[in-house]
């Protein structure tokens, strides 16, 4: 990730892009890269118990946020995303992740 984001940041060298604009574009690229790379990862919740634990954790973390606050935060976050998000997502999707050797079963990661 650092290499891809660094290359993206360095592509602006000498372009006259302001630091605030550069930070906004790099942030957008990085979010896209992470989204693309996450698609490549295996499902970490292998059973209903693990899935329920994850859902309970998410519910607990966001129990105090009301719908209007969430909508406002989402709108602000979406407004900060640039076209660089798509570029980052394409690069993130090209990431190679570790796979089980010789057809071994996935290891339970959450339990």
N, C-alpha and C. Protein backbone atom coordinates (compact mmCIF):
# COMPACT_ATOMS: atom_id res chain seq x y z
N UNK A 1 0.83 -1.18 0.00
CA UNK A 1 0.00 0.00 0.00
C UNK A 1 0.88 1.25 0.00
N UNK A 2 1.88 1.28 0.88
CA UNK A 2 2.72 2.47 0.98
C UNK A 2 3.38 2.79 -0.36
N UNK A 3 3.80 1.76 -1.07
CA UNK A 3 4.44 1.99 -2.36
C UNK A 3 3.48 2.62 -3.36
N UNK A 4 2.27 2.09 -3.45
CA UNK A 4 1.28 2.63 -4.39
C UNK A 4 0.89 4.05 -4.03
N UNK A 5 0.64 4.30 -2.76
CA UNK A 5 0.24 5.65 -2.33
C UNK A 5 1.39 6.62 -2.53
N UNK A 6 2.61 6.17 -2.23
CA UNK A 6 3.79 7.02 -2.43
C UNK A 6 3.97 7.40 -3.89
N UNK A 7 3.80 6.43 -4.79
CA UNK A 7 3.90 6.71 -6.22
C UNK A 7 2.85 7.71 -6.66
N UNK A 8 1.63 7.54 -6.12
CA UNK A 8 0.55 8.47 -6.47
C UNK A 8 0.90 9.88 -5.99
N UNK A 9 1.35 9.99 -4.74
CA UNK A 9 1.72 11.29 -4.18
C UNK A 9 2.84 11.92 -4.99
N UNK A 10 3.86 11.12 -5.33
CA UNK A 10 5.01 11.65 -6.06
C UNK A 10 4.66 12.08 -7.48
N UNK A 11 3.56 11.57 -8.01
CA UNK A 11 3.18 11.96 -9.37
C UNK A 11 2.78 13.44 -9.44
N UNK A 12 2.57 14.07 -8.30
CA UNK A 12 2.20 15.49 -8.26
C UNK A 12 3.41 16.40 -8.10
N UNK A 13 4.61 15.84 -8.00
CA UNK A 13 5.81 16.64 -7.79
C UNK A 13 5.96 17.66 -8.92
N UNK A 14 6.14 18.90 -8.54
CA UNK A 14 6.34 19.96 -9.52
C UNK A 14 5.08 20.41 -10.24
N UNK A 15 3.93 19.92 -9.83
CA UNK A 15 2.69 20.26 -10.54
C UNK A 15 2.06 21.55 -10.03
N UNK A 16 2.54 22.02 -8.88
CA UNK A 16 1.96 23.24 -8.32
C UNK A 16 0.68 23.00 -7.54
N UNK A 17 0.34 21.75 -7.31
CA UNK A 17 -0.86 21.42 -6.54
C UNK A 17 -0.64 21.82 -5.08
N UNK A 18 -1.62 22.49 -4.50
CA UNK A 18 -1.50 22.93 -3.10
C UNK A 18 -1.45 21.74 -2.16
N UNK A 19 -0.87 21.95 -0.99
CA UNK A 19 -0.77 20.87 0.00
C UNK A 19 -2.13 20.36 0.43
N UNK A 20 -3.10 21.26 0.59
CA UNK A 20 -4.44 20.82 1.02
C UNK A 20 -5.12 19.99 -0.07
N UNK A 21 -4.96 20.42 -1.32
CA UNK A 21 -5.55 19.65 -2.43
C UNK A 21 -4.85 18.31 -2.57
N UNK A 22 -3.52 18.32 -2.44
CA UNK A 22 -2.76 17.08 -2.52
C UNK A 22 -3.19 16.11 -1.42
N UNK A 23 -3.34 16.60 -0.21
CA UNK A 23 -3.76 15.75 0.91
C UNK A 23 -5.15 15.17 0.65
N UNK A 24 -6.05 15.98 0.12
CA UNK A 24 -7.41 15.52 -0.17
C UNK A 24 -7.40 14.43 -1.23
N UNK A 25 -6.60 14.63 -2.26
CA UNK A 25 -6.55 13.64 -3.35
C UNK A 25 -5.86 12.35 -2.92
N UNK A 26 -4.79 12.46 -2.14
CA UNK A 26 -4.10 11.27 -1.64
C UNK A 26 -5.02 10.50 -0.69
N UNK A 27 -5.75 11.20 0.15
CA UNK A 27 -6.70 10.55 1.07
C UNK A 27 -7.76 9.79 0.28
N UNK A 28 -8.28 10.40 -0.76
CA UNK A 28 -9.30 9.77 -1.59
C UNK A 28 -8.73 8.54 -2.30
N UNK A 29 -7.52 8.65 -2.84
CA UNK A 29 -6.86 7.53 -3.50
C UNK A 29 -6.65 6.38 -2.51
N UNK A 30 -6.20 6.71 -1.32
CA UNK A 30 -5.93 5.70 -0.29
C UNK A 30 -7.19 4.96 0.11
N UNK A 31 -8.29 5.68 0.28
CA UNK A 31 -9.56 5.04 0.62
C UNK A 31 -9.98 4.08 -0.48
N UNK A 32 -9.84 4.51 -1.72
CA UNK A 32 -10.16 3.65 -2.85
C UNK A 32 -9.27 2.42 -2.90
N UNK A 33 -7.97 2.62 -2.64
CA UNK A 33 -7.03 1.50 -2.65
C UNK A 33 -7.42 0.47 -1.60
N UNK A 34 -7.75 0.95 -0.41
CA UNK A 34 -8.15 0.05 0.67
C UNK A 34 -9.42 -0.72 0.32
N UNK A 35 -10.39 -0.02 -0.25
CA UNK A 35 -11.64 -0.68 -0.66
C UNK A 35 -11.36 -1.78 -1.68
N UNK A 36 -10.53 -1.48 -2.65
CA UNK A 36 -10.19 -2.47 -3.68
C UNK A 36 -9.44 -3.66 -3.09
N UNK A 37 -8.50 -3.40 -2.20
CA UNK A 37 -7.72 -4.48 -1.60
C UNK A 37 -8.59 -5.34 -0.68
N UNK A 38 -9.52 -4.73 0.01
CA UNK A 38 -10.40 -5.49 0.92
C UNK A 38 -11.23 -6.52 0.17
N UNK A 39 -11.55 -6.22 -1.07
CA UNK A 39 -12.33 -7.17 -1.88
C UNK A 39 -11.55 -8.47 -2.10
N UNK A 40 -10.23 -8.39 -2.03
CA UNK A 40 -9.38 -9.56 -2.28
C UNK A 40 -9.23 -10.46 -1.06
N UNK A 41 -9.53 -9.94 0.11
CA UNK A 41 -9.32 -10.71 1.33
C UNK A 41 -10.40 -11.77 1.51
N UNK A 42 -10.02 -12.89 2.14
CA UNK A 42 -11.02 -13.93 2.40
C UNK A 42 -12.02 -13.47 3.46
N UNK A 43 -13.16 -14.10 3.48
CA UNK A 43 -14.18 -13.81 4.47
C UNK A 43 -13.68 -14.26 5.83
N UNK A 44 -13.61 -13.35 6.80
CA UNK A 44 -13.06 -13.73 8.11
C UNK A 44 -14.11 -14.35 9.03
N UNK A 45 -15.35 -14.22 8.68
CA UNK A 45 -16.41 -14.80 9.52
C UNK A 45 -16.86 -16.11 8.88
N UNK A 46 -16.30 -17.21 9.36
CA UNK A 46 -16.57 -18.51 8.75
C UNK A 46 -17.83 -19.19 9.26
N UNK A 47 -18.40 -18.71 10.32
CA UNK A 47 -19.60 -19.34 10.85
C UNK A 47 -20.55 -18.28 11.40
N UNK A 48 -21.75 -18.72 11.75
CA UNK A 48 -22.76 -17.77 12.23
C UNK A 48 -22.34 -17.12 13.54
N UNK A 49 -21.64 -17.85 14.40
CA UNK A 49 -21.21 -17.29 15.68
C UNK A 49 -20.28 -16.11 15.50
N UNK A 50 -19.30 -16.26 14.60
CA UNK A 50 -18.37 -15.17 14.33
C UNK A 50 -19.09 -13.99 13.70
N UNK A 51 -19.98 -14.29 12.76
CA UNK A 51 -20.73 -13.24 12.09
C UNK A 51 -21.57 -12.46 13.10
N UNK A 52 -22.17 -13.17 14.03
CA UNK A 52 -23.00 -12.52 15.06
C UNK A 52 -22.15 -11.63 15.96
N UNK A 53 -20.95 -12.08 16.32
CA UNK A 53 -20.05 -11.28 17.15
C UNK A 53 -19.67 -9.98 16.45
N UNK A 54 -19.39 -10.08 15.16
CA UNK A 54 -19.03 -8.89 14.39
C UNK A 54 -20.21 -7.92 14.33
N UNK A 55 -21.39 -8.43 14.04
CA UNK A 55 -22.58 -7.57 13.98
C UNK A 55 -22.88 -6.92 15.32
N UNK A 56 -22.73 -7.67 16.41
CA UNK A 56 -22.96 -7.12 17.75
C UNK A 56 -21.95 -6.01 18.05
N UNK A 57 -20.71 -6.21 17.67
CA UNK A 57 -19.69 -5.20 17.88
C UNK A 57 -20.04 -3.91 17.13
N UNK A 58 -20.41 -4.05 15.87
CA UNK A 58 -20.77 -2.88 15.06
C UNK A 58 -21.98 -2.17 15.66
N UNK A 59 -23.00 -2.94 16.04
CA UNK A 59 -24.20 -2.35 16.67
C UNK A 59 -23.83 -1.60 17.93
N UNK A 60 -22.94 -2.17 18.74
CA UNK A 60 -22.54 -1.54 19.99
C UNK A 60 -21.75 -0.26 19.74
N UNK A 61 -20.88 -0.26 18.75
CA UNK A 61 -20.06 0.91 18.45
C UNK A 61 -20.90 2.09 17.95
N UNK A 62 -21.98 1.79 17.23
CA UNK A 62 -22.77 2.85 16.61
C UNK A 62 -24.14 3.04 17.26
N UNK A 63 -24.31 2.52 18.48
CA UNK A 63 -25.63 2.60 19.11
C UNK A 63 -26.02 4.03 19.48
N UNK A 64 -25.07 4.91 19.68
CA UNK A 64 -25.38 6.27 20.12
C UNK A 64 -25.47 7.28 18.98
N UNK A 65 -25.40 6.83 17.75
CA UNK A 65 -25.47 7.76 16.63
C UNK A 65 -26.89 7.75 16.05
N UNK A 66 -27.43 8.92 15.88
CA UNK A 66 -28.78 8.99 15.31
C UNK A 66 -28.70 9.08 13.80
N UNK A 67 -29.82 8.85 13.17
CA UNK A 67 -29.88 8.77 11.70
C UNK A 67 -29.44 10.08 11.03
N UNK A 68 -29.86 11.21 11.55
CA UNK A 68 -29.52 12.50 10.94
C UNK A 68 -28.01 12.78 11.04
N UNK A 69 -27.43 12.46 12.18
CA UNK A 69 -25.99 12.64 12.35
C UNK A 69 -25.23 11.76 11.37
N UNK A 70 -25.68 10.52 11.23
CA UNK A 70 -25.04 9.59 10.30
C UNK A 70 -25.13 10.12 8.86
N UNK A 71 -26.32 10.58 8.47
CA UNK A 71 -26.50 11.09 7.11
C UNK A 71 -25.60 12.29 6.86
N UNK A 72 -25.48 13.17 7.85
CA UNK A 72 -24.63 14.35 7.72
C UNK A 72 -23.16 13.94 7.56
N UNK A 73 -22.71 13.01 8.40
CA UNK A 73 -21.32 12.55 8.32
C UNK A 73 -21.04 11.85 6.99
N UNK A 74 -21.99 11.07 6.52
CA UNK A 74 -21.83 10.38 5.24
C UNK A 74 -21.73 11.38 4.09
N UNK A 75 -22.59 12.39 4.13
CA UNK A 75 -22.58 13.42 3.07
C UNK A 75 -21.23 14.15 3.05
N UNK A 76 -20.72 14.49 4.23
CA UNK A 76 -19.43 15.18 4.32
C UNK A 76 -18.30 14.30 3.79
N UNK A 77 -18.34 13.02 4.15
CA UNK A 77 -17.30 12.08 3.70
C UNK A 77 -17.36 11.90 2.18
N UNK A 78 -18.55 11.78 1.64
CA UNK A 78 -18.69 11.59 0.19
C UNK A 78 -18.26 12.84 -0.57
N UNK A 79 -18.46 14.00 0.02
CA UNK A 79 -18.06 15.25 -0.62
C UNK A 79 -16.55 15.39 -0.73
N UNK A 80 -15.82 14.69 0.13
CA UNK A 80 -14.36 14.79 0.14
C UNK A 80 -13.72 13.82 -0.85
N UNK A 81 -14.48 12.90 -1.40
CA UNK A 81 -13.93 11.91 -2.33
C UNK A 81 -13.77 12.53 -3.72
N UNK A 82 -12.61 12.28 -4.31
CA UNK A 82 -12.32 12.78 -5.66
C UNK A 82 -12.32 11.60 -6.64
N UNK A 83 -12.09 11.90 -7.90
CA UNK A 83 -12.00 10.86 -8.92
C UNK A 83 -10.82 9.90 -8.65
N UNK A 84 -9.91 10.34 -7.80
CA UNK A 84 -8.76 9.51 -7.47
C UNK A 84 -9.16 8.26 -6.70
N UNK A 85 -10.34 8.27 -6.10
CA UNK A 85 -10.87 7.10 -5.41
C UNK A 85 -10.93 5.91 -6.36
N UNK A 86 -11.44 6.14 -7.57
CA UNK A 86 -11.55 5.06 -8.56
C UNK A 86 -10.17 4.55 -8.97
N UNK A 87 -9.22 5.47 -9.14
CA UNK A 87 -7.85 5.07 -9.49
C UNK A 87 -7.27 4.18 -8.40
N UNK A 88 -7.48 4.59 -7.15
CA UNK A 88 -6.98 3.81 -6.02
C UNK A 88 -7.64 2.45 -5.94
N UNK A 89 -8.94 2.41 -6.20
CA UNK A 89 -9.66 1.14 -6.14
C UNK A 89 -9.13 0.17 -7.19
N UNK A 90 -8.87 0.66 -8.39
CA UNK A 90 -8.33 -0.20 -9.44
C UNK A 90 -6.97 -0.77 -9.04
N UNK A 91 -6.11 0.06 -8.45
CA UNK A 91 -4.80 -0.41 -8.01
C UNK A 91 -4.93 -1.39 -6.86
N UNK A 92 -5.84 -1.11 -5.93
CA UNK A 92 -6.04 -2.00 -4.79
C UNK A 92 -6.54 -3.37 -5.21
N UNK A 93 -7.33 -3.42 -6.25
CA UNK A 93 -7.85 -4.70 -6.76
C UNK A 93 -6.75 -5.55 -7.40
N UNK A 94 -5.63 -4.94 -7.70
CA UNK A 94 -4.52 -5.68 -8.31
C UNK A 94 -3.60 -6.33 -7.28
N UNK A 95 -3.88 -6.10 -6.00
CA UNK A 95 -3.05 -6.65 -4.93
C UNK A 95 -3.17 -8.16 -4.90
N UNK A 96 -2.07 -8.81 -4.62
CA UNK A 96 -2.06 -10.26 -4.46
C UNK A 96 -2.04 -10.57 -2.97
N UNK A 97 -2.94 -11.42 -2.53
CA UNK A 97 -3.00 -11.78 -1.11
C UNK A 97 -2.61 -13.25 -0.94
N UNK A 98 -2.16 -13.60 0.25
CA UNK A 98 -1.76 -14.97 0.54
C UNK A 98 -2.95 -15.91 0.40
N UNK A 99 -2.67 -17.08 -0.10
CA UNK A 99 -3.71 -18.10 -0.26
C UNK A 99 -3.24 -19.37 0.43
N UNK A 100 -4.16 -20.23 0.87
CA UNK A 100 -3.75 -21.49 1.51
C UNK A 100 -2.89 -22.33 0.57
N UNK A 101 -1.91 -23.01 1.12
CA UNK A 101 -1.00 -23.84 0.35
C UNK A 101 -1.57 -25.24 0.20
N UNK A 102 -1.46 -25.82 -0.98
CA UNK A 102 -1.88 -27.19 -1.25
C UNK A 102 -3.32 -27.46 -0.88
N UNK A 103 -4.17 -26.48 -1.05
CA UNK A 103 -5.60 -26.68 -0.82
C UNK A 103 -5.98 -26.83 0.63
N UNK A 104 -5.14 -26.38 1.57
CA UNK A 104 -5.50 -26.48 2.98
C UNK A 104 -6.71 -25.61 3.27
N UNK A 105 -7.44 -25.97 4.30
CA UNK A 105 -8.64 -25.23 4.67
C UNK A 105 -8.26 -23.90 5.30
N UNK A 106 -9.17 -22.93 5.17
CA UNK A 106 -8.99 -21.65 5.82
C UNK A 106 -8.97 -21.84 7.32
N UNK A 107 -8.13 -21.07 8.00
CA UNK A 107 -8.07 -21.10 9.45
C UNK A 107 -9.12 -20.18 10.02
N UNK A 108 -9.82 -20.61 11.06
CA UNK A 108 -10.81 -19.75 11.70
C UNK A 108 -10.08 -18.59 12.36
N UNK A 109 -10.45 -17.36 12.01
CA UNK A 109 -9.71 -16.19 12.47
C UNK A 109 -10.34 -15.49 13.66
N UNK A 110 -11.63 -15.63 13.81
CA UNK A 110 -12.33 -14.98 14.93
C UNK A 110 -13.08 -16.07 15.68
N UNK A 111 -12.99 -16.05 16.95
CA UNK A 111 -13.68 -17.12 17.67
C UNK A 111 -13.99 -16.81 19.02
